[in-house]
Protein backbone atom coordinates (compact mmCIF):
# COMPACT_ATOMS: atom_id res chain seq x y z
CA MET A 1 20.22 -2.65 33.53
CA LYS A 2 20.28 -7.02 32.16
CA LEU A 3 19.77 -7.50 28.56
CA PRO A 4 19.92 -10.10 26.27
CA ALA A 5 23.77 -10.91 25.15
CA GLU A 6 22.45 -8.80 22.08
CA GLN A 7 19.63 -6.93 20.60
CA GLN A 8 18.00 -4.11 18.50
CA ALA A 9 17.99 -0.84 19.11
CA LEU A 10 16.39 2.57 17.52
CA VAL A 11 19.02 5.37 17.04
CA THR A 12 17.09 8.60 18.18
CA ALA A 13 19.89 11.15 18.88
CA THR A 14 23.58 11.37 16.86
CA TYR A 15 26.74 13.52 18.48
CA SER A 16 29.82 12.65 16.85
CA ARG A 17 30.80 8.61 17.95
CA ARG A 18 28.47 8.95 20.09
CA VAL A 19 24.36 8.42 20.37
CA ASP A 20 21.28 7.96 21.83
CA LEU A 21 19.07 4.28 21.91
CA GLN A 22 15.43 3.66 21.94
CA LEU A 23 15.01 0.45 23.60
CA ALA A 24 12.26 -2.23 22.74
CA THR A 25 10.73 -1.27 26.34
CA GLY A 26 10.67 2.69 25.50
CA GLU A 27 13.79 3.61 27.45
CA ILE A 28 16.50 5.85 26.17
CA VAL A 29 19.56 5.10 27.19
CA ALA A 30 22.98 6.16 25.69
CA GLY A 31 25.47 4.20 23.40
CA ARG A 32 28.92 4.69 22.09
CA ILE A 33 30.18 2.66 18.55
CA LYS A 34 32.53 -0.45 18.04
CA GLY A 35 34.75 0.61 15.53
CA LYS A 36 35.78 3.33 13.33
CA LYS A 37 33.90 1.83 10.61
CA LEU A 38 29.98 1.58 11.97
CA ARG A 39 28.30 5.46 11.11
CA PRO A 40 24.87 5.17 12.49
CA VAL A 41 22.58 7.71 12.26
CA CYS A 42 19.06 8.66 12.99
CA GLY A 43 16.59 6.21 12.13
CA ASP A 44 18.47 3.13 12.10
CA LEU A 45 18.09 -0.17 13.91
CA VAL A 46 21.22 -1.11 15.02
CA GLN A 47 22.68 -4.58 17.35
CA VAL A 48 23.96 -3.33 20.37
CA GLN A 49 25.02 -5.37 23.69
CA GLU A 50 26.44 -3.93 27.47
CA ILE A 51 29.88 -3.00 27.95
CA PRO A 52 30.36 -4.66 31.66
CA ASN A 53 30.91 -1.89 34.51
CA GLU A 54 29.57 0.73 32.48
CA PRO A 55 26.32 2.49 31.60
CA GLU A 56 26.72 2.94 27.90
CA LEU A 57 25.25 0.53 25.74
CA LEU A 58 27.93 -0.84 22.89
CA ILE A 59 26.51 -0.84 19.31
CA THR A 60 28.20 -3.86 17.30
CA GLY A 61 26.15 -3.48 13.81
CA ILE A 62 23.76 -1.61 11.98
CA GLN A 63 20.41 -3.70 10.62
CA PRO A 64 19.86 -2.92 6.53
CA ARG A 65 18.41 0.29 5.48
CA ASP A 66 14.94 0.45 3.70
CA ASN A 67 16.51 3.84 2.25
CA GLU A 68 18.72 6.57 3.59
CA LEU A 69 19.02 10.56 3.18
CA SER A 70 22.53 11.17 1.82
CA ARG A 71 25.08 13.76 0.63
CA PRO A 72 28.08 13.66 -0.96
CA ASN A 73 31.05 14.16 1.49
CA ALA A 74 34.12 15.92 0.65
CA LYS A 75 35.72 12.51 -1.27
CA GLY A 76 32.55 12.27 -3.46
CA GLN A 77 31.25 9.14 -1.37
CA ALA A 78 27.59 9.06 0.23
CA GLU A 79 27.45 10.20 3.31
CA ALA A 80 24.15 8.91 5.23
CA LEU A 81 22.22 11.74 7.65
CA ALA A 82 18.86 10.00 8.47
CA ALA A 83 17.86 6.24 7.93
CA ASN A 84 14.38 4.39 7.20
CA LEU A 85 11.94 7.62 6.64
CA SER A 86 8.59 7.66 5.36
CA PHE A 87 8.45 10.83 4.88
CA LEU A 88 10.31 14.46 3.63
CA ALA A 89 9.05 17.68 4.30
CA VAL A 90 11.57 20.73 3.08
CA VAL A 91 10.74 24.26 4.77
CA ALA A 92 11.45 27.49 2.74
CA ALA A 93 10.98 30.39 4.08
CA ASP A 94 11.86 34.66 3.45
CA PRO A 95 13.81 35.67 5.51
CA PRO A 96 16.61 33.98 4.50
CA ALA A 97 15.95 34.68 0.52
CA PRO A 98 14.30 31.04 -0.73
CA ASP A 99 16.70 29.15 -2.44
CA TRP A 100 14.37 27.26 -4.71
CA PHE A 101 17.05 24.71 -6.02
CA ILE A 102 18.13 23.86 -2.55
CA VAL A 103 14.34 22.36 -2.38
CA ASP A 104 14.61 21.00 -5.72
CA ARG A 105 17.43 18.86 -4.63
CA TYR A 106 16.11 17.54 -1.20
CA LEU A 107 12.70 16.96 -3.64
CA SER A 108 15.08 14.81 -5.61
CA ALA A 109 16.37 12.91 -2.90
CA ALA A 110 12.87 11.75 -1.66
CA GLU A 111 11.82 10.82 -5.07
CA ILE A 112 15.27 8.83 -5.28
CA MET A 113 14.43 6.91 -2.04
CA ASN A 114 10.35 6.54 -2.70
CA ILE A 115 9.27 8.01 -0.05
CA ALA A 116 6.24 10.98 0.17
CA ALA A 117 7.42 14.49 0.12
CA ALA A 118 6.28 18.06 0.75
CA VAL A 119 7.19 21.88 0.33
CA ILE A 120 6.40 23.92 4.24
CA PHE A 121 6.66 27.95 3.70
CA ASN A 122 7.04 29.36 6.99
CA LYS A 123 7.45 33.02 8.41
CA THR A 124 3.90 34.17 6.84
CA ASP A 125 3.11 36.62 9.73
CA LEU A 126 5.81 38.63 8.00
CA ASP A 127 3.54 39.51 5.11
CA THR A 128 6.16 38.45 2.30
CA ASP A 129 3.53 37.67 0.13
CA ASP A 130 5.95 37.75 -2.71
CA ASP A 131 4.82 37.15 -6.49
CA LYS A 132 7.92 34.54 -7.18
CA VAL A 133 7.11 32.98 -3.83
CA GLN A 134 3.75 31.85 -5.14
CA ALA A 135 4.89 31.49 -8.29
CA ALA A 136 7.18 28.99 -7.35
CA LEU A 137 4.95 27.26 -4.70
CA GLY A 138 2.90 26.74 -7.81
CA GLU A 139 5.22 25.20 -9.90
CA TYR A 140 5.76 22.41 -6.79
CA ALA A 141 1.71 21.82 -6.63
CA ALA A 142 1.33 21.46 -10.32
CA ILE A 143 3.51 18.56 -10.02
CA GLY A 144 1.74 17.20 -7.02
CA TYR A 145 3.57 18.19 -3.94
CA PRO A 146 1.58 18.98 -0.93
CA ILE A 147 2.40 22.49 -0.02
CA VAL A 148 1.60 24.08 3.17
CA GLN A 149 1.70 28.11 4.20
CA CYS A 150 2.31 28.82 7.86
CA SER A 151 3.84 30.83 10.67
CA ALA A 152 5.81 29.24 13.61
CA LYS A 153 5.31 32.54 15.29
CA THR A 154 1.43 32.29 15.50
CA GLY A 155 0.46 28.96 14.64
CA THR A 156 -1.47 29.41 11.90
CA GLY A 157 -1.00 26.35 9.60
CA ILE A 158 0.63 24.08 12.08
CA ALA A 159 -2.37 21.60 12.00
CA ALA A 160 -1.75 21.16 8.67
CA VAL A 161 1.91 20.19 8.79
CA GLN A 162 0.52 17.81 11.27
CA GLU A 163 -1.71 16.25 9.02
CA LEU A 164 0.76 15.62 6.22
CA LEU A 165 3.89 13.98 9.40
CA VAL A 166 1.60 11.75 11.36
CA ASP A 167 2.20 7.80 11.27
CA HIS A 168 5.28 8.59 9.21
CA THR A 169 9.34 8.42 10.01
CA ALA A 170 9.61 11.97 9.13
CA ILE A 171 12.59 14.78 8.47
CA ILE A 172 12.19 17.84 8.52
CA VAL A 173 14.70 19.79 6.08
CA GLY A 174 16.28 23.27 4.64
CA GLN A 175 18.15 25.94 4.80
CA SER A 176 19.45 27.33 7.86
CA GLY A 177 17.21 29.68 9.28
CA VAL A 178 13.81 28.82 8.00
CA GLY A 179 12.39 28.10 11.30
CA LYS A 180 12.76 24.17 11.16
CA SER A 181 13.45 23.80 15.29
CA SER A 182 10.49 26.32 15.62
CA ILE A 183 7.97 24.30 13.88
CA ILE A 184 8.91 21.06 15.44
CA ASN A 185 8.96 23.00 18.72
CA ARG A 186 4.70 24.06 17.66
CA LEU A 187 3.93 20.59 16.72
CA ILE A 188 5.13 19.01 19.93
CA GLU A 189 5.15 20.58 23.42
CA ASN A 190 7.92 21.26 25.02
CA ALA A 191 10.51 19.99 22.00
CA ASN A 192 12.52 22.28 23.22
CA GLN A 193 13.19 21.57 26.95
CA ARG A 194 13.49 18.09 25.32
CA ILE A 195 16.16 19.25 22.85
CA ALA A 196 18.01 20.96 26.09
CA ALA A 197 18.05 17.94 27.52
CA VAL A 198 19.66 15.81 24.78
CA SER A 199 22.26 18.21 24.50
CA SER A 200 23.22 18.40 28.27
CA GLY A 201 23.34 14.72 28.38
CA SER A 202 23.78 12.87 31.88
CA GLY A 203 26.19 15.82 32.76
CA GLU A 204 29.19 14.40 31.60
CA GLY A 205 30.01 16.96 28.59
CA ARG A 206 29.34 14.28 26.34
CA HIS A 207 26.59 16.15 24.42
CA THR A 208 27.45 19.27 23.66
CA THR A 209 26.41 19.37 19.63
CA VAL A 210 23.48 17.40 18.29
CA SER A 211 24.02 16.43 14.81
CA SER A 212 20.12 14.73 14.82
CA LEU A 213 17.64 14.19 17.15
CA MET A 214 14.47 12.10 16.87
CA LEU A 215 10.88 13.06 18.90
CA GLN A 216 7.92 11.47 18.86
CA LEU A 217 5.05 13.52 17.66
CA PRO A 218 1.70 12.77 19.59
CA GLY A 219 -0.90 12.22 16.71
CA GLY A 220 1.79 9.25 15.88
CA GLY A 221 4.52 8.94 13.88
CA ALA A 222 8.15 10.70 15.25
CA VAL A 223 10.21 13.31 13.09
CA ILE A 224 14.04 14.28 13.06
CA ASP A 225 15.27 17.69 13.52
CA SER A 226 17.91 18.03 11.25
CA PRO A 227 20.75 20.72 10.99
CA GLY A 228 20.14 23.89 8.80
CA VAL A 229 22.53 23.57 5.76
CA ARG A 230 23.78 26.68 2.87
CA ASP A 231 23.54 23.72 0.60
CA TYR A 232 22.77 20.29 -0.30
CA ALA A 233 22.87 17.72 -2.77
CA PRO A 234 21.34 14.15 -3.03
CA ALA A 235 24.21 11.53 -3.58
CA ALA A 236 22.80 10.05 -6.65
CA ARG A 237 24.92 7.14 -7.70
CA SER A 238 24.07 7.81 -11.30
CA THR A 239 22.50 10.53 -14.16
CA SER A 240 19.95 8.00 -13.97
CA GLU A 241 18.96 8.86 -10.41
CA VAL A 242 18.42 12.18 -11.48
CA VAL A 243 15.99 11.69 -13.56
CA ALA A 244 14.08 9.73 -11.28
CA GLY A 245 14.31 13.10 -8.84
CA PHE A 246 12.46 14.77 -10.87
CA ARG A 247 9.22 13.77 -11.42
CA GLU A 248 8.06 15.88 -14.17
CA ILE A 249 10.91 14.90 -16.13
CA ALA A 250 10.92 11.02 -15.59
CA LEU A 251 6.89 11.12 -16.73
CA LEU A 252 7.90 13.03 -19.60
CA GLY A 253 10.83 11.11 -20.38
CA VAL A 254 9.11 7.85 -21.42
CA ASN A 255 8.02 9.50 -24.99
CA CYS A 256 11.86 10.40 -25.69
CA ARG A 257 13.26 8.91 -28.86
CA PHE A 258 15.88 7.26 -26.53
CA ALA A 259 15.24 5.29 -23.56
CA ASN A 260 18.20 6.24 -22.29
CA CYS A 261 18.09 9.92 -23.05
CA MET A 262 19.47 12.61 -20.68
CA HIS A 263 17.12 15.61 -21.71
CA LEU A 264 19.93 17.53 -22.66
CA ARG A 265 21.19 17.61 -25.78
CA GLU A 266 19.40 14.30 -27.96
CA PRO A 267 17.89 14.63 -30.54
CA GLY A 268 13.52 13.84 -30.28
CA CYS A 269 14.06 14.79 -26.31
CA ALA A 270 10.07 14.79 -25.25
CA VAL A 271 11.24 17.04 -22.09
CA LYS A 272 13.15 18.90 -24.49
CA ALA A 273 9.82 19.81 -26.49
CA ALA A 274 7.41 20.32 -23.41
CA LEU A 275 10.27 23.26 -22.21
CA THR A 276 9.79 24.33 -25.57
CA ASP A 277 6.11 24.81 -25.44
CA GLU A 278 6.44 26.05 -21.40
CA LYS A 279 4.77 22.55 -20.31
CA ILE A 280 7.37 22.37 -17.76
CA SER A 281 9.48 24.76 -15.10
CA ALA A 282 12.26 26.48 -16.93
CA ARG A 283 13.76 26.95 -13.50
CA ARG A 284 13.06 23.03 -12.00
CA TYR A 285 14.45 22.43 -15.72
CA GLU A 286 17.72 24.54 -14.86
CA SER A 287 17.62 22.62 -11.60
CA TYR A 288 18.11 19.64 -13.65
CA LYS A 289 20.97 20.37 -15.70
CA ARG A 290 23.09 21.43 -12.57
CA LEU A 291 22.57 18.26 -10.62
CA GLN A 292 23.25 16.32 -13.43
CA ALA A 293 26.70 18.51 -13.96
CA LEU A 294 27.44 17.84 -10.29
CA THR A 295 26.33 13.90 -10.59
CA ARG A 296 28.79 13.57 -13.78
CA LYS A 297 31.61 15.07 -11.80
CA LEU A 298 31.07 13.11 -8.58
CA THR A 299 30.80 9.75 -9.78
CA GLN A 300 33.98 10.37 -12.48
CA GLY A 301 35.61 11.63 -9.25
CA ARG A 302 34.95 8.32 -7.63
CA HIS A 303 36.23 5.89 -10.59
């Protein structure tokens, strides 16, 4: 391989301090990261250069990101999970028991990033048409989020998922066990084999656990498969960002008496009035309060 002294590449898979890179030619090559401060993630555009007498490329820098999906690390600092996204699809199912607070937090991350989002409910083949599930999905639909109910096992509803993601750089997120990878296997023929091939890498034993992986969609666009989680919170930089993360609260908030209203205990709060009148979801409002409390705790810890 003979490259210019330095060129750009797209990060398509991450494994600790190693990555896979897609060159402008479409070729996928292995890369390693220069130093300990650089932390590229799936979706990043990076500068790379050759390493003499080695097949890997060296990542020397990361291009400015349009956005990043992040979470607070153990120190309360933002840790990027993926970058340069245009769509977020959060998957729920039953089983495992849906955690709608996690769904809310992923949707709030999409709002903060200013990208489109949708809720996918998988495993409809299990006949879990629970009233509580339908009520929760109805709450999301009422505030404008597309809802797709599907079964990765039977293929029902997968075409609708495909339509949501076409021409986007999307990420599929959600609790462990909801079937994210199974949905991707339905969307992309042989995705399972590709994931296995990436995991085994070049036989050098370095590709053991894939942190995240970008796959091209047959109808156009790409999707990032991410590990399942037990919990998630966006790394909001301020309590004002949390307001922006709940679209119905942000919309009502323009009618509050005070411009900096946090919609908690302030007088003349349009959000609290709407809550009393049952015009917004009490469960979503509780979710908002929990994320506000967490963000205050984390941001205070950073100072």
